[in-house]
Amino acid sequence: MYKVSINGKNALKADVTAKNGTITGTLNDKNVDASIIETNPGEFHLLFNNKSYNFNIVKVDFSEKKLVLKVNGQKFNVDVKDKFDELLHNLGMDNVASKKVNDIKAPMPGMVLNILVGEGQTVKKGDSLLVLEAMKMENILKSPADGVIKKVVATKGTAVEKNQLLIQF
């Protein structure tokens, strides 16, 4: 069972299975019988309730369970939640994993070889922030989330201890 929201509204209950180009199951407790074929890579044709739809997948974020579809030329933002997401929501634990990152600390003692960002700089998740040498190895510390660098505490060429503050978001 899935809950599907389209453009932030229209929460639909979907319990469907797709196999060999056929989609069966229920949508808001109504039987679904549809067919789908891939016409080109990432482009599809869907026959649903005797209506024809052409769509393509514009963007997919598997970790957030979000996608952007372009259906007959119109874009739709689709959010999918499964039974585990619903369970976390019902237990009040759905926002636990999305804790805001405020600090980047040294994961181990070492020497700051290079600082790759400056104060006020906007960074994306996965961007390189700082190079830390530890045990004769260079370790690149990356941004755990999107954000703006508030303050660079570390200084190039200085030794740092484990858990010492390096960068503030």
C-alpha atoms as a PDB file:
ATOM      1  CA  MET A   1       0.000   0.000   0.000  1.00  0.00           C
ATOM      2  CA  TYR A   2       1.308   3.417  -0.983  1.00  0.00           C
ATOM      3  CA  LYS A   3       0.110   6.958  -0.437  1.00  0.00           C
ATOM      4  CA  VAL A   4       0.758   9.159  -3.444  1.00  0.00           C
ATOM      5  CA  SER A   5       0.582  12.962  -3.351  1.00  0.00           C
ATOM      6  CA  ILE A   6       0.555  14.988  -6.540  1.00  0.00           C
ATOM      7  CA  ASN A   7       1.760  18.599  -6.370  1.00  0.00           C
ATOM      8  CA  GLY A   8       1.480  18.479  -2.567  1.00  0.00           C
ATOM      9  CA  LYS A   9      -2.177  17.451  -2.498  1.00  0.00           C
ATOM     10  CA  ASN A  10      -4.496  14.699  -3.709  1.00  0.00           C
ATOM     11  CA  ALA A  11      -3.302  11.959  -1.352  1.00  0.00           C
ATOM     12  CA  LEU A  12      -4.234   8.752  -3.135  1.00  0.00           C
ATOM     13  CA  LYS A  13      -4.157   5.247  -1.680  1.00  0.00           C
ATOM     14  CA  ALA A  14      -2.502   3.004  -4.232  1.00  0.00           C
ATOM     15  CA  ASP A  15      -2.072  -0.759  -4.027  1.00  0.00           C
ATOM     16  CA  VAL A  16      -0.957  -1.628  -7.539  1.00  0.00           C
ATOM     17  CA  THR A  17       1.336  -4.089  -9.243  1.00  0.00           C
ATOM     18  CA  ALA A  18       2.956  -3.664 -12.637  1.00  0.00           C
ATOM     19  CA  LYS A  19       3.945  -6.745 -14.605  1.00  0.00           C
ATOM     20  CA  ASN A  20       4.570  -7.253 -18.325  1.00  0.00           C
ATOM     21  CA  GLY A  21       3.074  -3.878 -19.231  1.00  0.00           C
ATOM     22  CA  THR A  22      -0.118  -4.398 -17.201  1.00  0.00           C
ATOM     23  CA  ILE A  23      -0.988  -2.462 -14.045  1.00  0.00           C
ATOM     24  CA  THR A  24      -3.543  -4.043 -11.721  1.00  0.00           C
ATOM     25  CA  GLY A  25      -4.744  -3.366  -8.185  1.00  0.00           C
ATOM     26  CA  THR A  26      -6.668  -0.587  -6.501  1.00  0.00           C
ATOM     27  CA  LEU A  27      -6.498   3.198  -6.468  1.00  0.00           C
ATOM     28  CA  ASN A  28      -8.548   4.786  -3.658  1.00  0.00           C
ATOM     29  CA  ASP A  29     -10.228   1.371  -3.227  1.00  0.00           C
ATOM     30  CA  LYS A  30     -11.367   1.289  -6.886  1.00  0.00           C
ATOM     31  CA  ASN A  31     -10.105  -1.440  -9.209  1.00  0.00           C
ATOM     32  CA  VAL A  32      -7.408  -0.411 -11.652  1.00  0.00           C
ATOM     33  CA  ASP A  33      -6.687  -2.064 -14.946  1.00  0.00           C
ATOM     34  CA  ALA A  34      -4.209  -0.172 -17.085  1.00  0.00           C
ATOM     35  CA  SER A  35      -1.492  -0.861 -19.602  1.00  0.00           C
ATOM     36  CA  ILE A  36       1.833   0.847 -20.028  1.00  0.00           C
ATOM     37  CA  ILE A  37       4.604   0.642 -22.612  1.00  0.00           C
ATOM     38  CA  GLU A  38       7.962   2.393 -22.874  1.00  0.00           C
ATOM     39  CA  THR A  39       8.039   4.177 -26.217  1.00  0.00           C
ATOM     40  CA  ASN A  40      11.568   5.587 -25.835  1.00  0.00           C
ATOM     41  CA  PRO A  41      14.050   5.506 -22.956  1.00  0.00           C
ATOM     42  CA  GLY A  42      12.326   7.388 -20.105  1.00  0.00           C
ATOM     43  CA  GLU A  43       9.169   7.999 -22.176  1.00  0.00           C
ATOM     44  CA  PHE A  44       5.973   6.013 -21.701  1.00  0.00           C
ATOM     45  CA  HIS A  45       2.446   5.604 -22.989  1.00  0.00           C
ATOM     46  CA  LEU A  46      -0.270   4.787 -20.434  1.00  0.00           C
ATOM     47  CA  LEU A  47      -3.804   3.619 -21.197  1.00  0.00           C
ATOM     48  CA  PHE A  48      -5.906   4.204 -18.055  1.00  0.00           C
ATOM     49  CA  ASN A  49      -9.722   4.300 -17.828  1.00  0.00           C
ATOM     50  CA  ASN A  50      -9.931   4.330 -21.631  1.00  0.00           C
ATOM     51  CA  LYS A  51      -7.816   7.496 -21.765  1.00  0.00           C
ATOM     52  CA  SER A  52      -4.393   7.787 -23.335  1.00  0.00           C
ATOM     53  CA  TYR A  53      -1.497   9.544 -21.591  1.00  0.00           C
ATOM     54  CA  ASN A  54       2.039  10.182 -22.799  1.00  0.00           C
ATOM     55  CA  PHE A  55       4.525  10.889 -20.036  1.00  0.00           C
ATOM     56  CA  ASN A  56       8.192  11.009 -19.326  1.00  0.00           C
ATOM     57  CA  ILE A  57      10.192  10.906 -16.147  1.00  0.00           C
ATOM     58  CA  VAL A  58      11.913  14.267 -15.688  1.00  0.00           C
ATOM     59  CA  LYS A  59      13.608  13.653 -12.337  1.00  0.00           C
ATOM     60  CA  VAL A  60      13.776  10.878  -9.733  1.00  0.00           C
ATOM     61  CA  ASP A  61      15.027  11.092  -6.139  1.00  0.00           C
ATOM     62  CA  PHE A  62      14.926   7.543  -4.777  1.00  0.00           C
ATOM     63  CA  SER A  63      16.128   8.493  -1.291  1.00  0.00           C
ATOM     64  CA  GLU A  64      13.313  11.045  -0.845  1.00  0.00           C
ATOM     65  CA  LYS A  65      10.798   8.944  -2.837  1.00  0.00           C
ATOM     66  CA  LYS A  66       9.990  11.889  -5.091  1.00  0.00           C
ATOM     67  CA  LEU A  67       9.753  12.240  -8.820  1.00  0.00           C
ATOM     68  CA  VAL A  68       8.792  14.772 -11.425  1.00  0.00           C
ATOM     69  CA  LEU A  69       6.658  13.556 -14.315  1.00  0.00           C
ATOM     70  CA  LYS A  70       5.681  15.391 -17.465  1.00  0.00           C
ATOM     71  CA  VAL A  71       2.230  14.110 -18.480  1.00  0.00           C
ATOM     72  CA  ASN A  72       0.878  15.303 -21.826  1.00  0.00           C
ATOM     73  CA  GLY A  73       3.222  18.305 -21.565  1.00  0.00           C
ATOM     74  CA  GLN A  74       2.312  19.282 -17.973  1.00  0.00           C
ATOM     75  CA  LYS A  75       4.736  18.770 -15.046  1.00  0.00           C
ATOM     76  CA  PHE A  76       3.653  17.012 -11.836  1.00  0.00           C
ATOM     77  CA  ASN A  77       5.612  16.608  -8.588  1.00  0.00           C
ATOM     78  CA  VAL A  78       4.864  13.181  -7.150  1.00  0.00           C
ATOM     79  CA  ASP A  79       5.631  12.086  -3.559  1.00  0.00           C
ATOM     80  CA  VAL A  80       5.299   8.408  -2.654  1.00  0.00           C
ATOM     81  CA  LYS A  81       5.043   7.065   0.888  1.00  0.00           C
ATOM     82  CA  ASP A  82       4.993   3.363   1.737  1.00  0.00           C
ATOM     83  CA  LYS A  83       3.711   1.607   4.854  1.00  0.00           C
ATOM     84  CA  PHE A  84       7.016   2.202   6.676  1.00  0.00           C
ATOM     85  CA  ASP A  85       6.873   5.962   6.034  1.00  0.00           C
ATOM     86  CA  GLU A  86       3.300   5.971   7.366  1.00  0.00           C
ATOM     87  CA  LEU A  87       4.335   3.993  10.450  1.00  0.00           C
ATOM     88  CA  LEU A  88       7.130   6.489  11.205  1.00  0.00           C
ATOM     89  CA  HIS A  89       4.651   9.349  10.733  1.00  0.00           C
ATOM     90  CA  ASN A  90       2.100   7.742  13.077  1.00  0.00           C
ATOM     91  CA  LEU A  91       4.817   7.240  15.703  1.00  0.00           C
ATOM     92  CA  GLY A  92       5.932  10.869  15.341  1.00  0.00           C
ATOM     93  CA  MET A  93       9.356   9.814  14.100  1.00  0.00           C
ATOM     94  CA  ASP A  94       9.155  10.983  10.490  1.00  0.00           C
ATOM     95  CA  ASN A  95      11.293  14.090  11.086  1.00  0.00           C
ATOM     96  CA  VAL A  96      13.962  12.402  13.220  1.00  0.00           C
ATOM     97  CA  ALA A  97      16.232  11.633  10.269  1.00  0.00           C
ATOM     98  CA  SER A  98      15.992  15.161   8.883  1.00  0.00           C
ATOM     99  CA  LYS A  99      17.909  16.811  11.720  1.00  0.00           C
ATOM    100  CA  LYS A 100      19.539  20.034  10.592  1.00  0.00           C
ATOM    101  CA  VAL A 101      23.312  19.957  10.367  1.00  0.00           C
ATOM    102  CA  ASN A 102      24.888  22.927  12.150  1.00  0.00           C
ATOM    103  CA  ASP A 103      28.517  21.888  12.574  1.00  0.00           C
ATOM    104  CA  ILE A 104      31.248  19.972  10.782  1.00  0.00           C
ATOM    105  CA  LYS A 105      33.652  18.471  13.292  1.00  0.00           C
ATOM    106  CA  ALA A 106      36.920  16.628  12.816  1.00  0.00           C
ATOM    107  CA  PRO A 107      36.193  12.881  12.612  1.00  0.00           C
ATOM    108  CA  MET A 108      39.751  12.148  13.813  1.00  0.00           C
ATOM    109  CA  PRO A 109      42.883  14.001  14.907  1.00  0.00           C
ATOM    110  CA  GLY A 110      44.825  15.432  11.979  1.00  0.00           C
ATOM    111  CA  MET A 111      46.182  18.410  10.085  1.00  0.00           C
ATOM    112  CA  VAL A 112      44.041  20.800   8.014  1.00  0.00           C
ATOM    113  CA  LEU A 113      45.684  20.742   4.583  1.00  0.00           C
ATOM    114  CA  ASN A 114      43.190  22.838   2.650  1.00  0.00           C
ATOM    115  CA  ILE A 115      39.916  24.676   3.158  1.00  0.00           C
ATOM    116  CA  LEU A 116      37.781  24.514   0.021  1.00  0.00           C
ATOM    117  CA  VAL A 117      34.905  26.827   1.054  1.00  0.00           C
ATOM    118  CA  GLY A 118      34.470  30.322   2.442  1.00  0.00           C
ATOM    119  CA  GLU A 119      32.007  32.027   4.747  1.00  0.00           C
ATOM    120  CA  GLY A 120      28.697  32.848   3.081  1.00  0.00           C
ATOM    121  CA  GLN A 121      29.234  30.254   0.362  1.00  0.00           C
ATOM    122  CA  THR A 122      26.274  28.077  -0.611  1.00  0.00           C
ATOM    123  CA  VAL A 123      27.060  24.353  -0.751  1.00  0.00           C
ATOM    124  CA  LYS A 124      25.153  21.302  -1.896  1.00  0.00           C
ATOM    125  CA  LYS A 125      25.080  17.893  -0.260  1.00  0.00           C
ATOM    126  CA  GLY A 126      28.267  16.038  -1.202  1.00  0.00           C
ATOM    127  CA  ASP A 127      30.340  19.149  -1.998  1.00  0.00           C
ATOM    128  CA  SER A 128      33.929  19.021  -0.744  1.00  0.00           C
ATOM    129  CA  LEU A 129      34.507  21.342   2.215  1.00  0.00           C
ATOM    130  CA  LEU A 130      37.922  20.639   3.702  1.00  0.00           C
ATOM    131  CA  VAL A 131      40.959  18.359   3.308  1.00  0.00           C
ATOM    132  CA  LEU A 132      42.171  16.766   6.548  1.00  0.00           C
ATOM    133  CA  GLU A 133      45.390  14.741   6.697  1.00  0.00           C
ATOM    134  CA  ALA A 134      45.269  11.928   9.231  1.00  0.00           C
ATOM    135  CA  MET A 135      47.578   8.917   9.507  1.00  0.00           C
ATOM    136  CA  LYS A 136      49.407  10.040   6.327  1.00  0.00           C
ATOM    137  CA  MET A 137      46.177   9.957   4.312  1.00  0.00           C
ATOM    138  CA  GLU A 138      44.239  12.872   2.855  1.00  0.00           C
ATOM    139  CA  ASN A 139      40.558  12.807   3.812  1.00  0.00           C
ATOM    140  CA  ILE A 140      38.095  15.078   2.058  1.00  0.00           C
ATOM    141  CA  LEU A 141      35.245  16.127   4.354  1.00  0.00           C
ATOM    142  CA  LYS A 142      32.037  16.617   2.380  1.00  0.00           C
ATOM    143  CA  SER A 143      28.851  18.495   3.097  1.00  0.00           C
ATOM    144  CA  PRO A 144      26.185  16.250   4.639  1.00  0.00           C
ATOM    145  CA  ALA A 145      23.392  18.557   3.424  1.00  0.00           C
ATOM    146  CA  ASP A 146      22.609  21.655   1.377  1.00  0.00           C
ATOM    147  CA  GLY A 147      23.315  24.905   3.210  1.00  0.00           C
ATOM    148  CA  VAL A 148      25.267  28.111   3.593  1.00  0.00           C
ATOM    149  CA  ILE A 149      28.628  28.265   5.351  1.00  0.00           C
ATOM    150  CA  LYS A 150      28.178  30.479   8.404  1.00  0.00           C
ATOM    151  CA  LYS A 151      31.746  30.402   9.717  1.00  0.00           C
ATOM    152  CA  VAL A 152      35.009  28.620   8.907  1.00  0.00           C
ATOM    153  CA  VAL A 153      36.660  27.939  12.267  1.00  0.00           C
ATOM    154  CA  ALA A 154      39.563  25.792  11.041  1.00  0.00           C
ATOM    155  CA  THR A 155      42.803  27.311   9.821  1.00  0.00           C
ATOM    156  CA  LYS A 156      44.911  25.846   7.032  1.00  0.00           C
ATOM    157  CA  GLY A 157      48.086  24.182   8.334  1.00  0.00           C
ATOM    158  CA  THR A 158      46.897  23.698  11.918  1.00  0.00           C
ATOM    159  CA  ALA A 159      46.491  20.480  13.872  1.00  0.00           C
ATOM    160  CA  VAL A 160      43.000  19.543  15.092  1.00  0.00           C
ATOM    161  CA  GLU A 161      41.723  17.047  17.638  1.00  0.00           C
ATOM    162  CA  LYS A 162      38.868  14.591  17.173  1.00  0.00           C
ATOM    163  CA  ASN A 163      35.451  16.330  17.400  1.00  0.00           C
ATOM    164  CA  GLN A 164      37.026  19.787  17.123  1.00  0.00           C
ATOM    165  CA  LEU A 165      34.721  22.269  15.358  1.00  0.00           C
ATOM    166  CA  LEU A 166      35.881  23.000  11.805  1.00  0.00           C
ATOM    167  CA  ILE A 167      32.950  24.633   9.977  1.00  0.00           C
ATOM    168  CA  GLN A 168      29.575  26.024  11.092  1.00  0.00           C
ATOM    169  CA  PHE A 169      26.442  26.024   8.913  1.00  0.00           C
END
